[in-house]
Structure formats: structure tokens, C-alpha cells
Amino acid sequence: MRLPLHTFLLDRWSGRSTRAHLLWRDMVGVGTLVNLLFSFAGLMVIAQGGPGAWAWALHFAPLPYNLFLLLAVGRSPWQRPTDMTLAAAWFVAMLVL
């Protein structure tokens, strides 16, 4: 029996996810929201006078998920050069955001 998270990750990694789901919903939609929330949490730690290391840790916490999405787009059978360019640009923007 597979857990929902395992199925989610396996579907994206093996290319069984559609372009609309992986690129637009998971990466641009959900990924951006996750990054914004973690960055905001890091800013809240700084605003409350908390340790800077915690703020950095919160800001970079979504990095493994972002890298997973970038690599999943690169491995997908439907991937086009423009998709990879968009995915790479999104990844860089999320590092800076």
C-alpha cells in the first residue's frame, strides 16, 4: 500500500503527471505559495527579534521540494525547452524570493 505522499512523488518523478499538473499547478501555483509562506515566516522570525539562523532555515526549507520539482520537469516525457526554461527561471526566483 502506498501512502498519498509516496504516490504524489512517484507520479511526478516517473513522468506520470500531466504538464498542467506538474508545471503549472505544482510548481508555479503550489510551489510559489509554499515559498511565499516560508519566506514570510522567516521575516516574522526576524521581526520578532528571533535568531537569524532560524529565519534563513525557514527561507530555505522549501529548497528540496523546489529542486525535486525542477528535476521532475526535466525528466518528464512531455517536457519542451520552454518548459525547462520556465522551470529553471522559477527555481532561481524562488531562491531569491
PDB file of N, CA and C in Angstrom:
ATOM      1  N   MET A   1       0.837  -1.182   0.000  1.00  0.00           N
ATOM      2  CA  MET A   1       0.000   0.000   0.000  1.00  0.00           C
ATOM      3  C   MET A   1       0.882   1.246   0.000  1.00  0.00           C
ATOM      4  N   ARG A   2       0.599   2.138  -0.906  1.00  0.00           N
ATOM      5  CA  ARG A   2       1.358   3.387  -0.998  1.00  0.00           C
ATOM      6  C   ARG A   2       0.657   4.501  -0.238  1.00  0.00           C
ATOM      7  N   LEU A   3       1.447   5.293   0.410  1.00  0.00           N
ATOM      8  CA  LEU A   3       0.915   6.480   1.067  1.00  0.00           C
ATOM      9  C   LEU A   3       0.683   7.559   0.019  1.00  0.00           C
ATOM     10  N   PRO A   4      -0.242   8.487   0.258  1.00  0.00           N
ATOM     11  CA  PRO A   4      -0.515   9.545  -0.724  1.00  0.00           C
ATOM     12  C   PRO A   4       0.725  10.357  -1.095  1.00  0.00           C
ATOM     13  N   LEU A   5       1.588  10.653  -0.142  1.00  0.00           N
ATOM     14  CA  LEU A   5       2.793  11.424  -0.447  1.00  0.00           C
ATOM     15  C   LEU A   5       3.720  10.614  -1.357  1.00  0.00           C
ATOM     16  N   HIS A   6       3.833   9.328  -1.085  1.00  0.00           N
ATOM     17  CA  HIS A   6       4.671   8.467  -1.924  1.00  0.00           C
ATOM     18  C   HIS A   6       4.141   8.436  -3.349  1.00  0.00           C
ATOM     19  N   THR A   7       2.843   8.303  -3.503  1.00  0.00           N
ATOM     20  CA  THR A   7       2.219   8.303  -4.832  1.00  0.00           C
ATOM     21  C   THR A   7       2.447   9.643  -5.526  1.00  0.00           C
ATOM     22  N   PHE A   8       2.271  10.729  -4.805  1.00  0.00           N
ATOM     23  CA  PHE A   8       2.490  12.068  -5.351  1.00  0.00           C
ATOM     24  C   PHE A   8       3.909  12.201  -5.901  1.00  0.00           C
ATOM     25  N   LEU A   9       4.893  11.854  -5.090  1.00  0.00           N
ATOM     26  CA  LEU A   9       6.287  11.990  -5.500  1.00  0.00           C
ATOM     27  C   LEU A   9       6.626  11.043  -6.644  1.00  0.00           C
ATOM     28  N   LEU A  10       6.184   9.811  -6.554  1.00  0.00           N
ATOM     29  CA  LEU A  10       6.485   8.818  -7.587  1.00  0.00           C
ATOM     30  C   LEU A  10       5.856   9.182  -8.933  1.00  0.00           C
ATOM     31  N   ASP A  11       4.638   9.677  -8.920  1.00  0.00           N
ATOM     32  CA  ASP A  11       3.970  10.082 -10.167  1.00  0.00           C
ATOM     33  C   ASP A  11       4.724  11.211 -10.859  1.00  0.00           C
ATOM     34  N   ARG A  12       5.209  12.168 -10.099  1.00  0.00           N
ATOM     35  CA  ARG A  12       5.925  13.282 -10.698  1.00  0.00           C
ATOM     36  C   ARG A  12       7.316  12.857 -11.172  1.00  0.00           C
ATOM     37  N   TRP A  13       7.989  12.029 -10.381  1.00  0.00           N
ATOM     38  CA  TRP A  13       9.333  11.617 -10.730  1.00  0.00           C
ATOM     39  C   TRP A  13       9.357  10.687 -11.948  1.00  0.00           C
ATOM     40  N   SER A  14       8.347   9.852 -12.076  1.00  0.00           N
ATOM     41  CA  SER A  14       8.324   8.882 -13.174  1.00  0.00           C
ATOM     42  C   SER A  14       7.661   9.420 -14.439  1.00  0.00           C
ATOM     43  N   GLY A  15       7.185  10.651 -14.414  1.00  0.00           N
ATOM     44  CA  GLY A  15       6.595  11.249 -15.606  1.00  0.00           C
ATOM     45  C   GLY A  15       5.147  10.907 -15.833  1.00  0.00           C
ATOM     46  N   ARG A  16       4.473  10.399 -14.822  1.00  0.00           N
ATOM     47  CA  ARG A  16       3.051  10.058 -14.963  1.00  0.00           C
ATOM     48  C   ARG A  16       2.125  11.229 -14.666  1.00  0.00           C
ATOM     49  N   SER A  17       2.694  12.372 -14.362  1.00  0.00           N
ATOM     50  CA  SER A  17       1.890  13.562 -14.109  1.00  0.00           C
ATOM     51  C   SER A  17       1.776  14.366 -15.398  1.00  0.00           C
ATOM     52  N   THR A  18       0.658  15.015 -15.575  1.00  0.00           N
ATOM     53  CA  THR A  18       0.479  15.809 -16.790  1.00  0.00           C
ATOM     54  C   THR A  18       1.253  17.120 -16.687  1.00  0.00           C
ATOM     55  N   ARG A  19       1.449  17.738 -17.823  1.00  0.00           N
ATOM     56  CA  ARG A  19       2.152  19.024 -17.884  1.00  0.00           C
ATOM     57  C   ARG A  19       1.425  20.070 -17.048  1.00  0.00           C
ATOM     58  N   ALA A  20       0.114  20.107 -17.178  1.00  0.00           N
ATOM     59  CA  ALA A  20      -0.674  21.101 -16.442  1.00  0.00           C
ATOM     60  C   ALA A  20      -0.528  20.914 -14.936  1.00  0.00           C
ATOM     61  N   HIS A  21      -0.510  19.681 -14.474  1.00  0.00           N
ATOM     62  CA  HIS A  21      -0.382  19.437 -13.033  1.00  0.00           C
ATOM     63  C   HIS A  21       1.009  19.758 -12.518  1.00  0.00           C
ATOM     64  N   LEU A  22       2.019  19.226 -13.180  1.00  0.00           N
ATOM     65  CA  LEU A  22       3.378  19.388 -12.665  1.00  0.00           C
ATOM     66  C   LEU A  22       3.898  20.812 -12.823  1.00  0.00           C
ATOM     67  N   LEU A  23       3.824  21.317 -14.020  1.00  0.00           N
ATOM     68  CA  LEU A  23       4.428  22.624 -14.283  1.00  0.00           C
ATOM     69  C   LEU A  23       3.602  23.774 -13.731  1.00  0.00           C
ATOM     70  N   TRP A  24       2.338  23.779 -14.011  1.00  0.00           N
ATOM     71  CA  TRP A  24       1.517  24.937 -13.653  1.00  0.00           C
ATOM     72  C   TRP A  24       0.932  24.857 -12.252  1.00  0.00           C
ATOM     73  N   ARG A  25       0.336  23.725 -11.904  1.00  0.00           N
ATOM     74  CA  ARG A  25      -0.280  23.647 -10.578  1.00  0.00           C
ATOM     75  C   ARG A  25       0.758  23.426  -9.483  1.00  0.00           C
ATOM     76  N   ASP A  26       1.568  22.352  -9.626  1.00  0.00           N
ATOM     77  CA  ASP A  26       2.510  22.008  -8.554  1.00  0.00           C
ATOM     78  C   ASP A  26       3.643  23.016  -8.424  1.00  0.00           C
ATOM     79  N   MET A  27       4.236  23.393  -9.556  1.00  0.00           N
ATOM     80  CA  MET A  27       5.399  24.264  -9.487  1.00  0.00           C
ATOM     81  C   MET A  27       5.007  25.733  -9.346  1.00  0.00           C
ATOM     82  N   VAL A  28       4.327  26.264 -10.336  1.00  0.00           N
ATOM     83  CA  VAL A  28       4.041  27.702 -10.338  1.00  0.00           C
ATOM     84  C   VAL A  28       2.996  28.064  -9.281  1.00  0.00           C
ATOM     85  N   GLY A  29       1.981  27.262  -9.121  1.00  0.00           N
ATOM     86  CA  GLY A  29       0.920  27.577  -8.165  1.00  0.00           C
ATOM     87  C   GLY A  29       1.285  27.239  -6.733  1.00  0.00           C
ATOM     88  N   VAL A  30       1.309  25.946  -6.433  1.00  0.00           N
ATOM     89  CA  VAL A  30       1.547  25.486  -5.057  1.00  0.00           C
ATOM     90  C   VAL A  30       2.969  25.806  -4.607  1.00  0.00           C
ATOM     91  N   GLY A  31       3.953  25.571  -5.482  1.00  0.00           N
ATOM     92  CA  GLY A  31       5.344  25.843  -5.116  1.00  0.00           C
ATOM     93  C   GLY A  31       5.585  27.288  -4.743  1.00  0.00           C
ATOM     94  N   THR A  32       5.018  28.201  -5.516  1.00  0.00           N
ATOM     95  CA  THR A  32       5.173  29.620  -5.215  1.00  0.00           C
ATOM     96  C   THR A  32       4.509  29.968  -3.890  1.00  0.00           C
ATOM     97  N   LEU A  33       3.331  29.432  -3.652  1.00  0.00           N
ATOM     98  CA  LEU A  33       2.635  29.686  -2.388  1.00  0.00           C
ATOM     99  C   LEU A  33       3.438  29.157  -1.201  1.00  0.00           C
ATOM    100  N   VAL A  34       3.973  27.956  -1.309  1.00  0.00           N
ATOM    101  CA  VAL A  34       4.786  27.379  -0.235  1.00  0.00           C
ATOM    102  C   VAL A  34       6.007  28.264   0.038  1.00  0.00           C
ATOM    103  N   ASN A  35       6.685  28.702  -1.019  1.00  0.00           N
ATOM    104  CA  ASN A  35       7.858  29.552  -0.853  1.00  0.00           C
ATOM    105  C   ASN A  35       7.507  30.887  -0.211  1.00  0.00           C
ATOM    106  N   LEU A  36       6.410  31.474  -0.619  1.00  0.00           N
ATOM    107  CA  LEU A  36       5.977  32.748  -0.017  1.00  0.00           C
ATOM    108  C   LEU A  36       5.672  32.583   1.465  1.00  0.00           C
ATOM    109  N   LEU A  37       4.998  31.499   1.818  1.00  0.00           N
ATOM    110  CA  LEU A  37       4.660  31.267   3.228  1.00  0.00           C
ATOM    111  C   LEU A  37       5.909  31.078   4.079  1.00  0.00           C
ATOM    112  N   PHE A  38       6.860  30.287   3.605  1.00  0.00           N
ATOM    113  CA  PHE A  38       8.081  30.072   4.375  1.00  0.00           C
ATOM    114  C   PHE A  38       8.924  31.340   4.461  1.00  0.00           C
ATOM    115  N   SER A  39       8.987  32.102   3.376  1.00  0.00           N
ATOM    116  CA  SER A  39       9.730  33.367   3.415  1.00  0.00           C
ATOM    117  C   SER A  39       9.077  34.345   4.389  1.00  0.00           C
ATOM    118  N   PHE A  40       7.750  34.394   4.370  1.00  0.00           N
ATOM    119  CA  PHE A  40       7.029  35.258   5.305  1.00  0.00           C
ATOM    120  C   PHE A  40       7.290  34.824   6.750  1.00  0.00           C
ATOM    121  N   ALA A  41       7.306  33.511   6.986  1.00  0.00           N
ATOM    122  CA  ALA A  41       7.595  33.014   8.339  1.00  0.00           C
ATOM    123  C   ALA A  41       9.008  33.418   8.769  1.00  0.00           C
ATOM    124  N   GLY A  42       9.957  33.367   7.842  1.00  0.00           N
ATOM    125  CA  GLY A  42      11.315  33.810   8.157  1.00  0.00           C
ATOM    126  C   GLY A  42      11.371  35.285   8.491  1.00  0.00           C
ATOM    127  N   LEU A  43      10.630  36.077   7.732  1.00  0.00           N
ATOM    128  CA  LEU A  43      10.565  37.507   8.031  1.00  0.00           C
ATOM    129  C   LEU A  43       9.913  37.768   9.387  1.00  0.00           C
ATOM    130  N   MET A  44       8.937  36.970   9.733  1.00  0.00           N
ATOM    131  CA  MET A  44       8.288  37.123  11.047  1.00  0.00           C
ATOM    132  C   MET A  44       9.272  36.818  12.178  1.00  0.00           C
ATOM    133  N   VAL A  45      10.114  35.812  11.982  1.00  0.00           N
ATOM    134  CA  VAL A  45      11.124  35.493  12.991  1.00  0.00           C
ATOM    135  C   VAL A  45      12.068  36.682  13.178  1.00  0.00           C
ATOM    136  N   ILE A  46      12.495  37.269  12.075  1.00  0.00           N
ATOM    137  CA  ILE A  46      13.382  38.445  12.153  1.00  0.00           C
ATOM    138  C   ILE A  46      12.672  39.612  12.827  1.00  0.00           C
ATOM    139  N   ALA A  47      11.402  39.835  12.464  1.00  0.00           N
ATOM    140  CA  ALA A  47      10.642  40.957  13.026  1.00  0.00           C
ATOM    141  C   ALA A  47      10.429  40.800  14.534  1.00  0.00           C
ATOM    142  N   GLN A  48      10.351  39.572  14.987  1.00  0.00           N
ATOM    143  CA  GLN A  48      10.152  39.321  16.416  1.00  0.00           C
ATOM    144  C   GLN A  48      11.468  39.257  17.180  1.00  0.00           C
ATOM    145  N   GLY A  49      12.569  39.514  16.482  1.00  0.00           N
ATOM    146  CA  GLY A  49      13.872  39.516  17.142  1.00  0.00           C
ATOM    147  C   GLY A  49      14.463  38.137  17.322  1.00  0.00           C
ATOM    148  N   GLY A  50      13.982  37.178  16.577  1.00  0.00           N
ATOM    149  CA  GLY A  50      14.488  35.811  16.675  1.00  0.00           C
ATOM    150  C   GLY A  50      15.839  35.648  16.001  1.00  0.00           C
ATOM    151  N   PRO A  51      16.415  34.488  16.171  1.00  0.00           N
ATOM    152  CA  PRO A  51      17.739  34.244  15.584  1.00  0.00           C
ATOM    153  C   PRO A  51      17.705  34.255  14.058  1.00  0.00           C
ATOM    154  N   GLY A  52      18.705  34.869  13.477  1.00  0.00           N
ATOM    155  CA  GLY A  52      18.792  34.939  12.029  1.00  0.00           C
ATOM    156  C   GLY A  52      18.931  33.570  11.383  1.00  0.00           C
ATOM    157  N   ALA A  53      19.563  32.646  12.081  1.00  0.00           N
ATOM    158  CA  ALA A  53      19.727  31.294  11.539  1.00  0.00           C
ATOM    159  C   ALA A  53      18.370  30.620  11.334  1.00  0.00           C
ATOM    160  N   TRP A  54      17.438  30.880  12.226  1.00  0.00           N
ATOM    161  CA  TRP A  54      16.097  30.299  12.071  1.00  0.00           C
ATOM    162  C   TRP A  54      15.398  30.893  10.859  1.00  0.00           C
ATOM    163  N   ALA A  55      15.576  32.192  10.674  1.00  0.00           N
ATOM    164  CA  ALA A  55      14.967  32.850   9.525  1.00  0.00           C
ATOM    165  C   ALA A  55      15.526  32.285   8.220  1.00  0.00           C
ATOM    166  N   TRP A  56      16.837  32.094   8.153  1.00  0.00           N
ATOM    167  CA  TRP A  56      17.457  31.502   6.964  1.00  0.00           C
ATOM    168  C   TRP A  56      16.961  30.077   6.764  1.00  0.00           C
ATOM    169  N   ALA A  57      16.871  29.322   7.857  1.00  0.00           N
ATOM    170  CA  ALA A  57      16.409  27.936   7.761  1.00  0.00           C
ATOM    171  C   ALA A  57      14.974  27.874   7.229  1.00  0.00           C
ATOM    172  N   LEU A  58      14.129  28.767   7.696  1.00  0.00           N
ATOM    173  CA  LEU A  58      12.748  28.803   7.197  1.00  0.00           C
ATOM    174  C   LEU A  58      12.699  29.211   5.732  1.00  0.00           C
ATOM    175  N   HIS A  59      13.498  30.202   5.376  1.00  0.00           N
ATOM    176  CA  HIS A  59      13.505  30.683   3.996  1.00  0.00           C
ATOM    177  C   HIS A  59      13.933  29.579   3.022  1.00  0.00           C
ATOM    178  N   PHE A  60      14.932  28.795   3.407  1.00  0.00           N
ATOM    179  CA  PHE A  60      15.450  27.759   2.513  1.00  0.00           C
ATOM    180  C   PHE A  60      14.836  26.384   2.752  1.00  0.00           C
ATOM    181  N   ALA A  61      13.886  26.255   3.651  1.00  0.00           N
ATOM    182  CA  ALA A  61      13.246  24.962   3.910  1.00  0.00           C
ATOM    183  C   ALA A  61      12.582  24.345   2.677  1.00  0.00           C
ATOM    184  N   PRO A  62      11.945  25.115   1.785  1.00  0.00           N
ATOM    185  CA  PRO A  62      11.328  24.507   0.602  1.00  0.00           C
ATOM    186  C   PRO A  62      12.316  24.130  -0.506  1.00  0.00           C
ATOM    187  N   LEU A  63      13.608  24.381  -0.313  1.00  0.00           N
ATOM    188  CA  LEU A  63      14.587  24.126  -1.372  1.00  0.00           C
ATOM    189  C   LEU A  63      14.580  22.674  -1.882  1.00  0.00           C
ATOM    190  N   PRO A  64      14.523  21.658  -1.024  1.00  0.00           N
ATOM    191  CA  PRO A  64      14.476  20.284  -1.560  1.00  0.00           C
ATOM    192  C   PRO A  64      13.237  20.037  -2.429  1.00  0.00           C
ATOM    193  N   TYR A  65      12.095  20.580  -2.028  1.00  0.00           N
ATOM    194  CA  TYR A  65      10.870  20.430  -2.826  1.00  0.00           C
ATOM    195  C   TYR A  65      11.012  21.160  -4.164  1.00  0.00           C
ATOM    196  N   ASN A  66      11.596  22.344  -4.138  1.00  0.00           N
ATOM    197  CA  ASN A  66      11.811  23.100  -5.374  1.00  0.00           C
ATOM    198  C   ASN A  66      12.732  22.344  -6.323  1.00  0.00           C
ATOM    199  N   LEU A  67      13.813  21.798  -5.782  1.00  0.00           N
ATOM    200  CA  LEU A  67      14.749  21.036  -6.605  1.00  0.00           C
ATOM    201  C   LEU A  67      14.081  19.784  -7.172  1.00  0.00           C
ATOM    202  N   PHE A  68      13.274  19.122  -6.363  1.00  0.00           N
ATOM    203  CA  PHE A  68      12.530  17.961  -6.836  1.00  0.00           C
ATOM    204  C   PHE A  68      11.635  18.333  -8.020  1.00  0.00           C
ATOM    205  N   LEU A  69      10.906  19.425  -7.907  1.00  0.00           N
ATOM    206  CA  LEU A  69      10.029  19.848  -8.996  1.00  0.00           C
ATOM    207  C   LEU A  69      10.817  20.189 -10.255  1.00  0.00           C
ATOM    208  N   LEU A  70      11.940  20.877 -10.097  1.00  0.00           N
ATOM    209  CA  LEU A  70      12.778  21.216 -11.243  1.00  0.00           C
ATOM    210  C   LEU A  70      13.271  19.953 -11.948  1.00  0.00           C
ATOM    211  N   LEU A  71      13.753  19.000 -11.184  1.00  0.00           N
ATOM    212  CA  LEU A  71      14.238  17.756 -11.777  1.00  0.00           C
ATOM    213  C   LEU A  71      13.109  16.931 -12.379  1.00  0.00           C
ATOM    214  N   ALA A  72      11.941  16.955 -11.756  1.00  0.00           N
ATOM    215  CA  ALA A  72      10.795  16.222 -12.302  1.00  0.00           C
ATOM    216  C   ALA A  72      10.370  16.791 -13.648  1.00  0.00           C
ATOM    217  N   VAL A  73      10.413  18.098 -13.796  1.00  0.00           N
ATOM    218  CA  VAL A  73      10.098  18.704 -15.096  1.00  0.00           C
ATOM    219  C   VAL A  73      11.131  18.267 -16.128  1.00  0.00           C
ATOM    220  N   GLY A  74      12.392  18.253 -15.736  1.00  0.00           N
ATOM    221  CA  GLY A  74      13.450  17.833 -16.646  1.00  0.00           C
ATOM    222  C   GLY A  74      13.340  16.382 -17.062  1.00  0.00           C
ATOM    223  N   ARG A  75      12.799  15.527 -16.214  1.00  0.00           N
ATOM    224  CA  ARG A  75      12.659  14.098 -16.513  1.00  0.00           C
ATOM    225  C   ARG A  75      11.373  13.751 -17.246  1.00  0.00           C
ATOM    226  N   SER A  76      10.437  14.657 -17.291  1.00  0.00           N
ATOM    227  CA  SER A  76       9.119  14.339 -17.842  1.00  0.00           C
ATOM    228  C   SER A  76       9.175  14.112 -19.352  1.00  0.00           C
ATOM    229  N   PRO A  77       8.365  13.191 -19.857  1.00  0.00           N
ATOM    230  CA  PRO A  77       8.379  12.884 -21.292  1.00  0.00           C
ATOM    231  C   PRO A  77       7.786  13.996 -22.154  1.00  0.00           C
ATOM    232  N   TRP A  78       6.950  14.840 -21.617  1.00  0.00           N
ATOM    233  CA  TRP A  78       6.295  15.907 -22.384  1.00  0.00           C
ATOM    234  C   TRP A  78       7.079  17.204 -22.369  1.00  0.00           C
ATOM    235  N   GLN A  79       8.208  17.235 -21.666  1.00  0.00           N
ATOM    236  CA  GLN A  79       8.972  18.448 -21.440  1.00  0.00           C
ATOM    237  C   GLN A  79       9.475  19.050 -22.757  1.00  0.00           C
ATOM    238  N   ARG A  80       9.293  20.359 -22.879  1.00  0.00           N
ATOM    239  CA  ARG A  80       9.789  21.132 -24.023  1.00  0.00           C
ATOM    240  C   ARG A  80      10.861  22.097 -23.526  1.00  0.00           C
ATOM    241  N   PRO A  81      11.695  22.613 -24.433  1.00  0.00           N
ATOM    242  CA  PRO A  81      12.732  23.556 -23.986  1.00  0.00           C
ATOM    243  C   PRO A  81      12.157  24.767 -23.235  1.00  0.00           C
ATOM    244  N   THR A  82      11.015  25.250 -23.672  1.00  0.00           N
ATOM    245  CA  THR A  82      10.419  26.401 -22.972  1.00  0.00           C
ATOM    246  C   THR A  82       9.965  26.022 -21.564  1.00  0.00           C
ATOM    247  N   ASP A  83       9.525  24.775 -21.394  1.00  0.00           N
ATOM    248  CA  ASP A  83       9.126  24.315 -20.057  1.00  0.00           C
ATOM    249  C   ASP A  83      10.321  24.292 -19.114  1.00  0.00           C
ATOM    250  N   MET A  84      11.445  23.796 -19.606  1.00  0.00           N
ATOM    251  CA  MET A  84      12.645  23.734 -18.765  1.00  0.00           C
ATOM    252  C   MET A  84      13.164  25.130 -18.459  1.00  0.00           C
ATOM    253  N   THR A  85      13.064  26.039 -19.415  1.00  0.00           N
ATOM    254  CA  THR A  85      13.477  27.429 -19.177  1.00  0.00           C
ATOM    255  C   THR A  85      12.598  28.066 -18.113  1.00  0.00           C
ATOM    256  N   LEU A  86      11.287  27.858 -18.218  1.00  0.00           N
ATOM    257  CA  LEU A  86      10.362  28.382 -17.215  1.00  0.00           C
ATOM    258  C   LEU A  86      10.637  27.772 -15.845  1.00  0.00           C
ATOM    259  N   ALA A  87      10.859  26.462 -15.806  1.00  0.00           N
ATOM    260  CA  ALA A  87      11.126  25.786 -14.531  1.00  0.00           C
ATOM    261  C   ALA A  87      12.418  26.299 -13.900  1.00  0.00           C
ATOM    262  N   ALA A  88      13.460  26.482 -14.706  1.00  0.00           N
ATOM    263  CA  ALA A  88      14.736  26.982 -14.174  1.00  0.00           C
ATOM    264  C   ALA A  88      14.597  28.425 -13.690  1.00  0.00           C
ATOM    265  N   ALA A  89      13.878  29.249 -14.441  1.00  0.00           N
ATOM    266  CA  ALA A  89      13.664  30.641 -14.020  1.00  0.00           C
ATOM    267  C   ALA A  89      12.866  30.690 -12.722  1.00  0.00           C
ATOM    268  N   TRP A  90      11.856  29.830 -12.612  1.00  0.00           N
ATOM    269  CA  TRP A  90      11.066  29.764 -11.380  1.00  0.00           C
ATOM    270  C   TRP A  90      11.946  29.355 -10.212  1.00  0.00           C
ATOM    271  N   PHE A  91      12.799  28.351 -10.418  1.00  0.00           N
ATOM    272  CA  PHE A  91      13.683  27.870  -9.360  1.00  0.00           C
ATOM    273  C   PHE A  91      14.596  28.989  -8.857  1.00  0.00           C
ATOM    274  N   VAL A  92      15.193  29.724  -9.766  1.00  0.00           N
ATOM    275  CA  VAL A  92      16.074  30.838  -9.379  1.00  0.00           C
ATOM    276  C   VAL A  92      15.275  31.914  -8.651  1.00  0.00           C
ATOM    277  N   ALA A  93      14.089  32.232  -9.155  1.00  0.00           N
ATOM    278  CA  ALA A  93      13.263  33.247  -8.498  1.00  0.00           C
ATOM    279  C   ALA A  93      12.884  32.826  -7.088  1.00  0.00           C
ATOM    280  N   MET A  94      12.625  31.557  -6.870  1.00  0.00           N
ATOM    281  CA  MET A  94      12.259  31.080  -5.541  1.00  0.00           C
ATOM    282  C   MET A  94      13.463  31.073  -4.592  1.00  0.00           C
ATOM    283  N   LEU A  95      14.660  30.933  -5.131  1.00  0.00           N
ATOM    284  CA  LEU A  95      15.863  31.050  -4.284  1.00  0.00           C
ATOM    285  C   LEU A  95      16.029  32.464  -3.772  1.00  0.00           C
ATOM    286  N   VAL A  96      15.719  33.436  -4.626  1.00  0.00           N
ATOM    287  CA  VAL A  96      15.890  34.843  -4.280  1.00  0.00           C
ATOM    288  C   VAL A  96      14.734  35.349  -3.434  1.00  0.00           C
ATOM    289  N   LEU A  97      13.529  34.891  -3.734  1.00  0.00           N
ATOM    290  CA  LEU A  97      12.319  35.382  -3.056  1.00  0.00           C
ATOM    291  C   LEU A  97      12.384  35.229  -1.606  1.00  0.00           C
TER     292      LEU A  97
END
